[in-house]
Amino acid sequence: MRELRIEGLTEEQCMFLDVIYACDSYEELMNFTHGLPRREQLQVLTLIQILLHETIEEEMIKPLASYPDAERIINQIKRKMG
């Protein structure tokens, strides 16, 4: 499992993250969330959104910033020209 670091969280938010990670299914997570007061439900849902955004960035966007195949081809061409 990769490490994700979110700065500036309260102790309560850290506890919610522990619970989020401990849930084995979406249903389990929603059952937990629906049992909370509205303010805490919103905190949990916001944390889930943050996790989703971070995961998308790590797994989808960051890999697009690197083009290993193109870099390899360019380096091959440079070697042949040099």
PDB file of N, CA and C in Angstrom:
ATOM      1  N   MET A   1       0.848  -1.177   0.000  1.00  0.00           N
ATOM      2  CA  MET A   1       0.000   0.000   0.000  1.00  0.00           C
ATOM      3  C   MET A   1       0.895   1.242   0.000  1.00  0.00           C
ATOM      4  N   ARG A   2       0.592   2.172  -0.876  1.00  0.00           N
ATOM      5  CA  ARG A   2       1.391   3.386  -0.935  1.00  0.00           C
ATOM      6  C   ARG A   2       0.987   4.348   0.170  1.00  0.00           C
ATOM      7  N   GLU A   3       1.898   5.239   0.500  1.00  0.00           N
ATOM      8  CA  GLU A   3       1.650   6.197   1.571  1.00  0.00           C
ATOM      9  C   GLU A   3       1.100   7.486   0.984  1.00  0.00           C
ATOM     10  N   LEU A   4       0.086   8.019   1.649  1.00  0.00           N
ATOM     11  CA  LEU A   4      -0.501   9.291   1.265  1.00  0.00           C
ATOM     12  C   LEU A   4      -0.429  10.200   2.475  1.00  0.00           C
ATOM     13  N   ARG A   5       0.111  11.374   2.280  1.00  0.00           N
ATOM     14  CA  ARG A   5       0.266  12.308   3.392  1.00  0.00           C
ATOM     15  C   ARG A   5      -0.595  13.542   3.129  1.00  0.00           C
ATOM     16  N   ILE A   6      -1.474  13.852   4.099  1.00  0.00           N
ATOM     17  CA  ILE A   6      -2.319  15.041   4.028  1.00  0.00           C
ATOM     18  C   ILE A   6      -1.990  15.892   5.247  1.00  0.00           C
ATOM     19  N   GLU A   7      -1.473  17.063   4.990  1.00  0.00           N
ATOM     20  CA  GLU A   7      -1.050  17.958   6.078  1.00  0.00           C
ATOM     21  C   GLU A   7      -2.226  18.762   6.636  1.00  0.00           C
ATOM     22  N   GLY A   8      -2.122  19.150   7.896  1.00  0.00           N
ATOM     23  CA  GLY A   8      -3.056  20.086   8.508  1.00  0.00           C
ATOM     24  C   GLY A   8      -4.373  19.493   8.973  1.00  0.00           C
ATOM     25  N   LEU A   9      -4.430  18.191   9.171  1.00  0.00           N
ATOM     26  CA  LEU A   9      -5.673  17.574   9.629  1.00  0.00           C
ATOM     27  C   LEU A   9      -5.788  17.647  11.146  1.00  0.00           C
ATOM     28  N   THR A  10      -7.024  17.705  11.605  1.00  0.00           N
ATOM     29  CA  THR A  10      -7.274  17.662  13.047  1.00  0.00           C
ATOM     30  C   THR A  10      -7.160  16.214  13.527  1.00  0.00           C
ATOM     31  N   GLU A  11      -7.115  16.037  14.826  1.00  0.00           N
ATOM     32  CA  GLU A  11      -7.062  14.688  15.397  1.00  0.00           C
ATOM     33  C   GLU A  11      -8.313  13.901  15.003  1.00  0.00           C
ATOM     34  N   GLU A  12      -9.455  14.578  15.002  1.00  0.00           N
ATOM     35  CA  GLU A  12     -10.713  13.931  14.622  1.00  0.00           C
ATOM     36  C   GLU A  12     -10.676  13.474  13.158  1.00  0.00           C
ATOM     37  N   GLN A  13     -10.155  14.319  12.279  1.00  0.00           N
ATOM     38  CA  GLN A  13     -10.058  13.963  10.868  1.00  0.00           C
ATOM     39  C   GLN A  13      -9.107  12.781  10.663  1.00  0.00           C
ATOM     40  N   CYS A  14      -8.030  12.739  11.415  1.00  0.00           N
ATOM     41  CA  CYS A  14      -7.105  11.594  11.348  1.00  0.00           C
ATOM     42  C   CYS A  14      -7.804  10.314  11.788  1.00  0.00           C
ATOM     43  N   MET A  15      -8.628  10.421  12.823  1.00  0.00           N
ATOM     44  CA  MET A  15      -9.401   9.267  13.295  1.00  0.00           C
ATOM     45  C   MET A  15     -10.363   8.814  12.210  1.00  0.00           C
ATOM     46  N   PHE A  16     -11.013   9.770  11.545  1.00  0.00           N
ATOM     47  CA  PHE A  16     -11.931   9.413  10.455  1.00  0.00           C
ATOM     48  C   PHE A  16     -11.183   8.715   9.318  1.00  0.00           C
ATOM     49  N   LEU A  17      -9.985   9.173   8.991  1.00  0.00           N
ATOM     50  CA  LEU A  17      -9.193   8.516   7.945  1.00  0.00           C
ATOM     51  C   LEU A  17      -8.871   7.074   8.332  1.00  0.00           C
ATOM     52  N   ASP A  18      -8.543   6.857   9.608  1.00  0.00           N
ATOM     53  CA  ASP A  18      -8.284   5.496  10.074  1.00  0.00           C
ATOM     54  C   ASP A  18      -9.511   4.615   9.860  1.00  0.00           C
ATOM     55  N   VAL A  19     -10.690   5.155  10.170  1.00  0.00           N
ATOM     56  CA  VAL A  19     -11.929   4.395   9.991  1.00  0.00           C
ATOM     57  C   VAL A  19     -12.188   4.149   8.508  1.00  0.00           C
ATOM     58  N   ILE A  20     -11.981   5.175   7.673  1.00  0.00           N
ATOM     59  CA  ILE A  20     -12.180   5.030   6.230  1.00  0.00           C
ATOM     60  C   ILE A  20     -11.318   3.892   5.705  1.00  0.00           C
ATOM     61  N   TYR A  21     -10.041   3.869   6.084  1.00  0.00           N
ATOM     62  CA  TYR A  21      -9.131   2.819   5.610  1.00  0.00           C
ATOM     63  C   TYR A  21      -9.475   1.446   6.175  1.00  0.00           C
ATOM     64  N   ALA A  22     -10.109   1.422   7.351  1.00  0.00           N
ATOM     65  CA  ALA A  22     -10.455   0.144   7.976  1.00  0.00           C
ATOM     66  C   ALA A  22     -11.707  -0.486   7.355  1.00  0.00           C
ATOM     67  N   CYS A  23     -12.506   0.307   6.673  1.00  0.00           N
ATOM     68  CA  CYS A  23     -13.727  -0.224   6.054  1.00  0.00           C
ATOM     69  C   CYS A  23     -13.358  -1.132   4.884  1.00  0.00           C
ATOM     70  N   ASP A  24     -14.034  -2.264   4.818  1.00  0.00           N
ATOM     71  CA  ASP A  24     -13.750  -3.253   3.775  1.00  0.00           C
ATOM     72  C   ASP A  24     -14.596  -3.067   2.520  1.00  0.00           C
ATOM     73  N   SER A  25     -15.634  -2.249   2.617  1.00  0.00           N
ATOM     74  CA  SER A  25     -16.505  -2.065   1.462  1.00  0.00           C
ATOM     75  C   SER A  25     -17.126  -0.672   1.491  1.00  0.00           C
ATOM     76  N   TYR A  26     -17.648  -0.304   0.339  1.00  0.00           N
ATOM     77  CA  TYR A  26     -18.359   0.973   0.232  1.00  0.00           C
ATOM     78  C   TYR A  26     -19.567   0.974   1.170  1.00  0.00           C
ATOM     79  N   GLU A  27     -20.285  -0.143   1.227  1.00  0.00           N
ATOM     80  CA  GLU A  27     -21.465  -0.242   2.086  1.00  0.00           C
ATOM     81  C   GLU A  27     -21.103  -0.039   3.552  1.00  0.00           C
ATOM     82  N   GLU A  28     -20.003  -0.646   3.965  1.00  0.00           N
ATOM     83  CA  GLU A  28     -19.549  -0.486   5.351  1.00  0.00           C
ATOM     84  C   GLU A  28     -19.216   0.976   5.637  1.00  0.00           C
ATOM     85  N   LEU A  29     -18.555   1.614   4.707  1.00  0.00           N
ATOM     86  CA  LEU A  29     -18.204   3.029   4.865  1.00  0.00           C
ATOM     87  C   LEU A  29     -19.455   3.892   4.944  1.00  0.00           C
ATOM     88  N   MET A  30     -20.431   3.634   4.076  1.00  0.00           N
ATOM     89  CA  MET A  30     -21.663   4.429   4.086  1.00  0.00           C
ATOM     90  C   MET A  30     -22.476   4.177   5.352  1.00  0.00           C
ATOM     91  N   ASN A  31     -22.487   2.942   5.849  1.00  0.00           N
ATOM     92  CA  ASN A  31     -23.181   2.654   7.112  1.00  0.00           C
ATOM     93  C   ASN A  31     -22.558   3.442   8.252  1.00  0.00           C
ATOM     94  N   PHE A  32     -21.225   3.482   8.282  1.00  0.00           N
ATOM     95  CA  PHE A  32     -20.533   4.263   9.304  1.00  0.00           C
ATOM     96  C   PHE A  32     -20.895   5.738   9.168  1.00  0.00           C
ATOM     97  N   THR A  33     -20.819   6.256   7.955  1.00  0.00           N
ATOM     98  CA  THR A  33     -21.055   7.682   7.705  1.00  0.00           C
ATOM     99  C   THR A  33     -22.482   8.085   8.063  1.00  0.00           C
ATOM    100  N   HIS A  34     -23.449   7.270   7.677  1.00  0.00           N
ATOM    101  CA  HIS A  34     -24.843   7.619   7.941  1.00  0.00           C
ATOM    102  C   HIS A  34     -25.184   7.618   9.428  1.00  0.00           C
ATOM    103  N   GLY A  35     -24.384   6.953  10.237  1.00  0.00           N
ATOM    104  CA  GLY A  35     -24.620   6.937  11.674  1.00  0.00           C
ATOM    105  C   GLY A  35     -24.056   8.154  12.399  1.00  0.00           C
ATOM    106  N   LEU A  36     -23.371   9.024  11.671  1.00  0.00           N
ATOM    107  CA  LEU A  36     -22.745  10.204  12.283  1.00  0.00           C
ATOM    108  C   LEU A  36     -23.662  11.422  12.223  1.00  0.00           C
ATOM    109  N   PRO A  37     -23.432  12.387  13.128  1.00  0.00           N
ATOM    110  CA  PRO A  37     -24.128  13.675  12.996  1.00  0.00           C
ATOM    111  C   PRO A  37     -23.745  14.340  11.666  1.00  0.00           C
ATOM    112  N   ARG A  38     -24.593  15.209  11.162  1.00  0.00           N
ATOM    113  CA  ARG A  38     -24.420  15.819   9.835  1.00  0.00           C
ATOM    114  C   ARG A  38     -23.044  16.467   9.662  1.00  0.00           C
ATOM    115  N   ARG A  39     -22.580  17.219  10.654  1.00  0.00           N
ATOM    116  CA  ARG A  39     -21.281  17.896  10.547  1.00  0.00           C
ATOM    117  C   ARG A  39     -20.164  16.890  10.332  1.00  0.00           C
ATOM    118  N   GLU A  40     -20.208  15.795  11.048  1.00  0.00           N
ATOM    119  CA  GLU A  40     -19.179  14.769  10.917  1.00  0.00           C
ATOM    120  C   GLU A  40     -19.331  14.002   9.601  1.00  0.00           C
ATOM    121  N   GLN A  41     -20.575  13.803   9.144  1.00  0.00           N
ATOM    122  CA  GLN A  41     -20.788  13.183   7.835  1.00  0.00           C
ATOM    123  C   GLN A  41     -20.091  13.994   6.753  1.00  0.00           C
ATOM    124  N   LEU A  42     -20.250  15.306   6.821  1.00  0.00           N
ATOM    125  CA  LEU A  42     -19.630  16.178   5.822  1.00  0.00           C
ATOM    126  C   LEU A  42     -18.107  16.094   5.882  1.00  0.00           C
ATOM    127  N   GLN A  43     -17.554  15.998   7.083  1.00  0.00           N
ATOM    128  CA  GLN A  43     -16.101  15.850   7.214  1.00  0.00           C
ATOM    129  C   GLN A  43     -15.613  14.562   6.571  1.00  0.00           C
ATOM    130  N   VAL A  44     -16.317  13.462   6.838  1.00  0.00           N
ATOM    131  CA  VAL A  44     -15.927  12.171   6.276  1.00  0.00           C
ATOM    132  C   VAL A  44     -16.036  12.208   4.752  1.00  0.00           C
ATOM    133  N   LEU A  45     -17.130  12.737   4.234  1.00  0.00           N
ATOM    134  CA  LEU A  45     -17.307  12.803   2.783  1.00  0.00           C
ATOM    135  C   LEU A  45     -16.255  13.700   2.136  1.00  0.00           C
ATOM    136  N   THR A  46     -15.889  14.777   2.805  1.00  0.00           N
ATOM    137  CA  THR A  46     -14.832  15.652   2.294  1.00  0.00           C
ATOM    138  C   THR A  46     -13.494  14.923   2.278  1.00  0.00           C
ATOM    139  N   LEU A  47     -13.196  14.176   3.316  1.00  0.00           N
ATOM    140  CA  LEU A  47     -11.953  13.394   3.353  1.00  0.00           C
ATOM    141  C   LEU A  47     -11.933  12.351   2.236  1.00  0.00           C
ATOM    142  N   ILE A  48     -13.070  11.732   1.977  1.00  0.00           N
ATOM    143  CA  ILE A  48     -13.150  10.752   0.889  1.00  0.00           C
ATOM    144  C   ILE A  48     -12.866  11.436  -0.441  1.00  0.00           C
ATOM    145  N   GLN A  49     -13.416  12.629  -0.641  1.00  0.00           N
ATOM    146  CA  GLN A  49     -13.150  13.371  -1.879  1.00  0.00           C
ATOM    147  C   GLN A  49     -11.670  13.699  -2.018  1.00  0.00           C
ATOM    148  N   ILE A  50     -11.051  14.113  -0.930  1.00  0.00           N
ATOM    149  CA  ILE A  50      -9.613  14.417  -0.958  1.00  0.00           C
ATOM    150  C   ILE A  50      -8.831  13.167  -1.353  1.00  0.00           C
ATOM    151  N   LEU A  51      -9.177  12.026  -0.756  1.00  0.00           N
ATOM    152  CA  LEU A  51      -8.500  10.771  -1.080  1.00  0.00           C
ATOM    153  C   LEU A  51      -8.685  10.412  -2.554  1.00  0.00           C
ATOM    154  N   LEU A  52      -9.886  10.595  -3.066  1.00  0.00           N
ATOM    155  CA  LEU A  52     -10.147  10.304  -4.474  1.00  0.00           C
ATOM    156  C   LEU A  52      -9.328  11.198  -5.389  1.00  0.00           C
ATOM    157  N   HIS A  53      -9.282  12.487  -5.081  1.00  0.00           N
ATOM    158  CA  HIS A  53      -8.499  13.420  -5.898  1.00  0.00           C
ATOM    159  C   HIS A  53      -7.015  13.074  -5.860  1.00  0.00           C
ATOM    160  N   GLU A  54      -6.505  12.764  -4.692  1.00  0.00           N
ATOM    161  CA  GLU A  54      -5.093  12.410  -4.562  1.00  0.00           C
ATOM    162  C   GLU A  54      -4.776  11.126  -5.323  1.00  0.00           C
ATOM    163  N   THR A  55      -5.675  10.161  -5.239  1.00  0.00           N
ATOM    164  CA  THR A  55      -5.473   8.897  -5.944  1.00  0.00           C
ATOM    165  C   THR A  55      -5.485   9.110  -7.452  1.00  0.00           C
ATOM    166  N   ILE A  56      -6.430   9.909  -7.936  1.00  0.00           N
ATOM    167  CA  ILE A  56      -6.487  10.209  -9.364  1.00  0.00           C
ATOM    168  C   ILE A  56      -5.204  10.897  -9.811  1.00  0.00           C
ATOM    169  N   GLU A  57      -4.749  11.851  -9.027  1.00  0.00           N
ATOM    170  CA  GLU A  57      -3.519  12.563  -9.386  1.00  0.00           C
ATOM    171  C   GLU A  57      -2.327  11.623  -9.435  1.00  0.00           C
ATOM    172  N   GLU A  58      -2.196  10.777  -8.420  1.00  0.00           N
ATOM    173  CA  GLU A  58      -1.052   9.866  -8.350  1.00  0.00           C
ATOM    174  C   GLU A  58      -1.079   8.814  -9.450  1.00  0.00           C
ATOM    175  N   GLU A  59      -2.250   8.266  -9.722  1.00  0.00           N
ATOM    176  CA  GLU A  59      -2.330   7.127 -10.633  1.00  0.00           C
ATOM    177  C   GLU A  59      -2.629   7.495 -12.079  1.00  0.00           C
ATOM    178  N   MET A  60      -3.210   8.666 -12.304  1.00  0.00           N
ATOM    179  CA  MET A  60      -3.613   9.013 -13.666  1.00  0.00           C
ATOM    180  C   MET A  60      -2.862  10.219 -14.225  1.00  0.00           C
ATOM    181  N   ILE A  61      -2.733  11.266 -13.439  1.00  0.00           N
ATOM    182  CA  ILE A  61      -2.177  12.519 -13.958  1.00  0.00           C
ATOM    183  C   ILE A  61      -0.659  12.523 -13.933  1.00  0.00           C
ATOM    184  N   LYS A  62      -0.059  12.169 -12.805  1.00  0.00           N
ATOM    185  CA  LYS A  62       1.403  12.192 -12.716  1.00  0.00           C
ATOM    186  C   LYS A  62       2.081  11.305 -13.749  1.00  0.00           C
ATOM    187  N   PRO A  63       1.570  10.099 -14.015  1.00  0.00           N
ATOM    188  CA  PRO A  63       2.221   9.297 -15.058  1.00  0.00           C
ATOM    189  C   PRO A  63       2.180   9.960 -16.439  1.00  0.00           C
ATOM    190  N   LEU A  64       1.197  10.805 -16.687  1.00  0.00           N
ATOM    191  CA  LEU A  64       1.104  11.476 -17.985  1.00  0.00           C
ATOM    192  C   LEU A  64       2.143  12.581 -18.142  1.00  0.00           C
ATOM    193  N   ALA A  65       2.756  12.988 -17.045  1.00  0.00           N
ATOM    194  CA  ALA A  65       3.769  14.044 -17.103  1.00  0.00           C
ATOM    195  C   ALA A  65       5.104  13.501 -17.609  1.00  0.00           C
ATOM    196  N   SER A  66       5.218  12.202 -17.690  1.00  0.00           N
ATOM    197  CA  SER A  66       6.438  11.559 -18.152  1.00  0.00           C
ATOM    198  C   SER A  66       6.124  10.741 -19.399  1.00  0.00           C
ATOM    199  N   TYR A  67       7.016  10.803 -20.379  1.00  0.00           N
ATOM    200  CA  TYR A  67       6.819  10.078 -21.622  1.00  0.00           C
ATOM    201  C   TYR A  67       8.034   9.200 -21.894  1.00  0.00           C
ATOM    202  N   PRO A  68       8.149   8.094 -21.182  1.00  0.00           N
ATOM    203  CA  PRO A  68       9.359   7.269 -21.304  1.00  0.00           C
ATOM    204  C   PRO A  68       9.591   6.742 -22.720  1.00  0.00           C
ATOM    205  N   ASP A  69       8.544   6.364 -23.430  1.00  0.00           N
ATOM    206  CA  ASP A  69       8.728   5.856 -24.795  1.00  0.00           C
ATOM    207  C   ASP A  69       9.274   6.944 -25.706  1.00  0.00           C
ATOM    208  N   ALA A  70       8.686   8.142 -25.615  1.00  0.00           N
ATOM    209  CA  ALA A  70       9.157   9.255 -26.446  1.00  0.00           C
ATOM    210  C   ALA A  70      10.588   9.632 -26.085  1.00  0.00           C
ATOM    211  N   GLU A  71      10.900   9.661 -24.799  1.00  0.00           N
ATOM    212  CA  GLU A  71      12.256   9.997 -24.366  1.00  0.00           C
ATOM    213  C   GLU A  71      13.258   8.966 -24.876  1.00  0.00           C
ATOM    214  N   ARG A  72      12.890   7.690 -24.853  1.00  0.00           N
ATOM    215  CA  ARG A  72      13.761   6.624 -25.343  1.00  0.00           C
ATOM    216  C   ARG A  72      14.028   6.809 -26.833  1.00  0.00           C
ATOM    217  N   ILE A  73      12.997   7.104 -27.609  1.00  0.00           N
ATOM    218  CA  ILE A  73      13.154   7.296 -29.052  1.00  0.00           C
ATOM    219  C   ILE A  73      14.028   8.505 -29.357  1.00  0.00           C
ATOM    220  N   ILE A  74      13.792   9.599 -28.631  1.00  0.00           N
ATOM    221  CA  ILE A  74      14.606  10.805 -28.825  1.00  0.00           C
ATOM    222  C   ILE A  74      16.067  10.518 -28.516  1.00  0.00           C
ATOM    223  N   ASN A  75      16.317   9.784 -27.425  1.00  0.00           N
ATOM    224  CA  ASN A  75      17.694   9.449 -27.069  1.00  0.00           C
ATOM    225  C   ASN A  75      18.346   8.549 -28.104  1.00  0.00           C
ATOM    226  N   GLN A  76      17.585   7.629 -28.681  1.00  0.00           N
ATOM    227  CA  GLN A  76      18.124   6.774 -29.749  1.00  0.00           C
ATOM    228  C   GLN A  76      18.519   7.617 -30.972  1.00  0.00           C
ATOM    229  N   ILE A  77      17.656   8.541 -31.319  1.00  0.00           N
ATOM    230  CA  ILE A  77      17.939   9.410 -32.459  1.00  0.00           C
ATOM    231  C   ILE A  77      19.165  10.272 -32.181  1.00  0.00           C
ATOM    232  N   LYS A  78      19.257  10.812 -30.977  1.00  0.00           N
ATOM    233  CA  LYS A  78      20.421  11.645 -30.620  1.00  0.00           C
ATOM    234  C   LYS A  78      21.717  10.836 -30.720  1.00  0.00           C
ATOM    235  N   ARG A  79      21.688   9.582 -30.247  1.00  0.00           N
ATOM    236  CA  ARG A  79      22.882   8.735 -30.316  1.00  0.00           C
ATOM    237  C   ARG A  79      23.284   8.457 -31.761  1.00  0.00           C
ATOM    238  N   LYS A  80      22.319   8.238 -32.611  1.00  0.00           N
ATOM    239  CA  LYS A  80      22.604   7.946 -34.018  1.00  0.00           C
ATOM    240  C   LYS A  80      23.138   9.186 -34.740  1.00  0.00           C
ATOM    241  N   MET A  81      22.687  10.365 -34.314  1.00  0.00           N
ATOM    242  CA  MET A  81      23.133  11.613 -34.966  1.00  0.00           C
ATOM    243  C   MET A  81      24.492  12.057 -34.434  1.00  0.00           C
ATOM    244  N   GLY A  82      24.835  11.645 -33.244  1.00  0.00           N
ATOM    245  CA  GLY A  82      26.051  12.130 -32.599  1.00  0.00           C
ATOM    246  C   GLY A  82      27.251  11.314 -32.827  1.00  0.00           C
TER     247      GLY A  82
END
